């Protein structure tokens, strides 16, 4: 849970936890234990590298609902907006222009929201 909070932020994790139901509790436990407790805590890659890989996979597989959250997480993990842009340009070649087009739109919204939060705070 510590790494999940470090990467995604307290607000996101608290929101996901608050929305947990009897039906979704086992899934929340699964992703907390395995994704965040086993994979994201391994020593083989740093969080920055894991964010790059995660963004690429989300674009490639069209998992748009998760993309904005992981764009914000990538920023938390030290990626710059320019690095995210470069990653998305690369996905245009290897994942397809339509996938990258959608990803650019989602990332732009996430980054703009982050910038407005940063300038207000």
C-alpha atoms as a PDB file:
ATOM      1  CA  UNK A   1       0.000   0.000   0.000  1.00  0.00           C
ATOM      2  CA  UNK A   2       2.941   2.306   0.693  1.00  0.00           C
ATOM      3  CA  UNK A   3       4.225   2.091  -2.893  1.00  0.00           C
ATOM      4  CA  UNK A   4       0.704   2.361  -4.314  1.00  0.00           C
ATOM      5  CA  UNK A   5       0.280   5.604  -2.369  1.00  0.00           C
ATOM      6  CA  UNK A   6       3.742   6.881  -3.389  1.00  0.00           C
ATOM      7  CA  UNK A   7       3.045   6.310  -7.089  1.00  0.00           C
ATOM      8  CA  UNK A   8      -0.665   7.087  -7.409  1.00  0.00           C
ATOM      9  CA  UNK A   9      -1.112   9.521  -4.538  1.00  0.00           C
ATOM     10  CA  UNK A  10      -3.215   9.375  -1.408  1.00  0.00           C
ATOM     11  CA  UNK A  11      -6.277  10.925  -3.042  1.00  0.00           C
ATOM     12  CA  UNK A  12      -6.465   8.259  -5.736  1.00  0.00           C
ATOM     13  CA  UNK A  13      -5.866   5.366  -3.348  1.00  0.00           C
ATOM     14  CA  UNK A  14      -8.321   6.739  -0.806  1.00  0.00           C
ATOM     15  CA  UNK A  15     -10.919   7.126  -3.570  1.00  0.00           C
ATOM     16  CA  UNK A  16     -10.373   3.583  -4.841  1.00  0.00           C
ATOM     17  CA  UNK A  17     -10.542   2.233  -1.320  1.00  0.00           C
ATOM     18  CA  UNK A  18     -13.707   4.188  -0.539  1.00  0.00           C
ATOM     19  CA  UNK A  19     -15.382   2.751  -3.638  1.00  0.00           C
ATOM     20  CA  UNK A  20     -14.518  -0.823  -2.704  1.00  0.00           C
ATOM     21  CA  UNK A  21     -17.554  -3.028  -2.340  1.00  0.00           C
ATOM     22  CA  UNK A  22     -17.980  -6.603  -1.251  1.00  0.00           C
ATOM     23  CA  UNK A  23     -17.906  -7.496  -4.952  1.00  0.00           C
ATOM     24  CA  UNK A  24     -14.652  -5.590  -5.726  1.00  0.00           C
ATOM     25  CA  UNK A  25     -12.780  -6.165  -2.434  1.00  0.00           C
ATOM     26  CA  UNK A  26     -10.936  -9.256  -3.673  1.00  0.00           C
ATOM     27  CA  UNK A  27      -9.796  -7.395  -6.803  1.00  0.00           C
ATOM     28  CA  UNK A  28      -8.531  -4.436  -4.749  1.00  0.00           C
ATOM     29  CA  UNK A  29      -6.621  -6.858  -2.538  1.00  0.00           C
ATOM     30  CA  UNK A  30      -5.180  -8.603  -5.617  1.00  0.00           C
ATOM     31  CA  UNK A  31      -3.849  -5.434  -7.255  1.00  0.00           C
ATOM     32  CA  UNK A  32      -2.541  -4.045  -3.979  1.00  0.00           C
ATOM     33  CA  UNK A  33      -0.743  -7.270  -3.146  1.00  0.00           C
ATOM     34  CA  UNK A  34       0.621  -8.229  -6.549  1.00  0.00           C
ATOM     35  CA  UNK A  35       0.911  -5.082  -8.670  1.00  0.00           C
ATOM     36  CA  UNK A  36       2.001  -2.747  -5.886  1.00  0.00           C
ATOM     37  CA  UNK A  37       3.383  -5.180  -3.297  1.00  0.00           C
ATOM     38  CA  UNK A  38       5.249  -7.575  -5.583  1.00  0.00           C
ATOM     39  CA  UNK A  39       5.981  -5.946  -8.954  1.00  0.00           C
ATOM     40  CA  UNK A  40       6.393  -2.230  -8.187  1.00  0.00           C
ATOM     41  CA  UNK A  41       8.610  -3.022  -5.159  1.00  0.00           C
ATOM     42  CA  UNK A  42      11.097  -5.219  -7.037  1.00  0.00           C
ATOM     43  CA  UNK A  43      14.648  -3.925  -7.320  1.00  0.00           C
ATOM     44  CA  UNK A  44      15.124  -4.654 -11.044  1.00  0.00           C
ATOM     45  CA  UNK A  45      13.650  -1.345 -12.291  1.00  0.00           C
ATOM     46  CA  UNK A  46      13.130   2.036 -10.706  1.00  0.00           C
ATOM     47  CA  UNK A  47       9.679   3.653 -10.545  1.00  0.00           C
ATOM     48  CA  UNK A  48      10.552   5.973 -13.418  1.00  0.00           C
ATOM     49  CA  UNK A  49      11.291   3.053 -15.737  1.00  0.00           C
ATOM     50  CA  UNK A  50       8.186   1.203 -14.586  1.00  0.00           C
ATOM     51  CA  UNK A  51       6.111   4.288 -15.425  1.00  0.00           C
ATOM     52  CA  UNK A  52       7.526   4.413 -18.957  1.00  0.00           C
ATOM     53  CA  UNK A  53       6.728   0.756 -19.498  1.00  0.00           C
ATOM     54  CA  UNK A  54       3.265   1.080 -17.967  1.00  0.00           C
ATOM     55  CA  UNK A  55       2.354   4.065 -20.151  1.00  0.00           C
ATOM     56  CA  UNK A  56       3.503   2.202 -23.260  1.00  0.00           C
ATOM     57  CA  UNK A  57       1.469  -0.871 -22.359  1.00  0.00           C
ATOM     58  CA  UNK A  58      -1.647   1.165 -21.602  1.00  0.00           C
ATOM     59  CA  UNK A  59      -1.420   2.942 -24.963  1.00  0.00           C
ATOM     60  CA  UNK A  60      -0.722  -0.291 -26.853  1.00  0.00           C
ATOM     61  CA  UNK A  61      -3.679  -2.081 -25.299  1.00  0.00           C
ATOM     62  CA  UNK A  62      -6.055   0.885 -25.416  1.00  0.00           C
ATOM     63  CA  UNK A  63      -6.586   1.037 -21.660  1.00  0.00           C
ATOM     64  CA  UNK A  64      -7.674   4.659 -21.741  1.00  0.00           C
ATOM     65  CA  UNK A  65      -9.404   4.613 -18.357  1.00  0.00           C
ATOM     66  CA  UNK A  66      -6.062   3.968 -16.663  1.00  0.00           C
ATOM     67  CA  UNK A  67      -3.906   6.239 -18.828  1.00  0.00           C
ATOM     68  CA  UNK A  68      -4.561   9.616 -17.163  1.00  0.00           C
ATOM     69  CA  UNK A  69      -3.929   8.121 -13.723  1.00  0.00           C
ATOM     70  CA  UNK A  70      -0.594   6.707 -14.886  1.00  0.00           C
ATOM     71  CA  UNK A  71       0.392   9.965 -16.624  1.00  0.00           C
ATOM     72  CA  UNK A  72       0.005  11.652 -13.235  1.00  0.00           C
ATOM     73  CA  UNK A  73       1.915   8.785 -11.600  1.00  0.00           C
ATOM     74  CA  UNK A  74       4.698   9.160 -14.179  1.00  0.00           C
ATOM     75  CA  UNK A  75       5.053  12.818 -13.230  1.00  0.00           C
ATOM     76  CA  UNK A  76       5.220  11.782  -9.566  1.00  0.00           C
ATOM     77  CA  UNK A  77       7.934   9.293 -10.524  1.00  0.00           C
ATOM     78  CA  UNK A  78      10.040  12.036 -12.101  1.00  0.00           C
ATOM     79  CA  UNK A  79       9.110  11.970 -15.784  1.00  0.00           C
ATOM     80  CA  UNK A  80       8.852  15.365 -17.422  1.00  0.00           C
ATOM     81  CA  UNK A  81       6.055  16.364 -19.769  1.00  0.00           C
ATOM     82  CA  UNK A  82       8.593  16.300 -22.601  1.00  0.00           C
ATOM     83  CA  UNK A  83       9.589  12.722 -21.758  1.00  0.00           C
ATOM     84  CA  UNK A  84       5.934  11.673 -21.732  1.00  0.00           C
ATOM     85  CA  UNK A  85       5.528  13.385 -25.111  1.00  0.00           C
ATOM     86  CA  UNK A  86       8.527  11.476 -26.495  1.00  0.00           C
ATOM     87  CA  UNK A  87       7.094   8.211 -25.210  1.00  0.00           C
ATOM     88  CA  UNK A  88       3.763   8.964 -26.907  1.00  0.00           C
ATOM     89  CA  UNK A  89       5.519   9.819 -30.178  1.00  0.00           C
ATOM     90  CA  UNK A  90       7.260   6.453 -30.000  1.00  0.00           C
ATOM     91  CA  UNK A  91       3.939   4.712 -29.425  1.00  0.00           C
ATOM     92  CA  UNK A  92       2.626   6.308 -32.629  1.00  0.00           C
ATOM     93  CA  UNK A  93       5.170   4.248 -34.535  1.00  0.00           C
ATOM     94  CA  UNK A  94       4.918   0.981 -32.613  1.00  0.00           C
ATOM     95  CA  UNK A  95       1.276   1.038 -31.432  1.00  0.00           C
ATOM     96  CA  UNK A  96      -0.336   3.046 -34.203  1.00  0.00           C
ATOM     97  CA  UNK A  97      -1.270   6.650 -34.824  1.00  0.00           C
ATOM     98  CA  UNK A  98      -4.888   6.289 -33.623  1.00  0.00           C
ATOM     99  CA  UNK A  99      -3.706   4.863 -30.300  1.00  0.00           C
ATOM    100  CA  UNK A 100      -1.172   7.670 -29.870  1.00  0.00           C
ATOM    101  CA  UNK A 101      -3.722  10.289 -30.918  1.00  0.00           C
ATOM    102  CA  UNK A 102      -6.084   9.209 -28.148  1.00  0.00           C
ATOM    103  CA  UNK A 103      -3.196   8.944 -25.694  1.00  0.00           C
ATOM    104  CA  UNK A 104      -2.013  12.481 -26.500  1.00  0.00           C
ATOM    105  CA  UNK A 105      -5.519  13.818 -25.841  1.00  0.00           C
ATOM    106  CA  UNK A 106      -5.789  12.004 -22.489  1.00  0.00           C
ATOM    107  CA  UNK A 107      -2.248  12.938 -21.422  1.00  0.00           C
ATOM    108  CA  UNK A 108      -2.769  16.585 -22.360  1.00  0.00           C
ATOM    109  CA  UNK A 109      -5.857  16.758 -20.144  1.00  0.00           C
ATOM    110  CA  UNK A 110      -4.017  15.099 -17.256  1.00  0.00           C
ATOM    111  CA  UNK A 111      -0.969  17.357 -17.598  1.00  0.00           C
ATOM    112  CA  UNK A 112      -3.087  20.506 -17.937  1.00  0.00           C
ATOM    113  CA  UNK A 113      -5.051  19.563 -14.826  1.00  0.00           C
ATOM    114  CA  UNK A 114      -1.769  18.983 -12.988  1.00  0.00           C
ATOM    115  CA  UNK A 115      -0.388  22.351 -14.091  1.00  0.00           C
ATOM    116  CA  UNK A 116      -3.514  24.203 -12.962  1.00  0.00           C
ATOM    117  CA  UNK A 117      -3.375  22.431  -9.594  1.00  0.00           C
ATOM    118  CA  UNK A 118       0.326  23.293  -9.249  1.00  0.00           C
ATOM    119  CA  UNK A 119      -0.174  26.972 -10.096  1.00  0.00           C
ATOM    120  CA  UNK A 120      -3.176  27.287  -7.759  1.00  0.00           C
ATOM    121  CA  UNK A 121      -1.414  25.616  -4.824  1.00  0.00           C
END
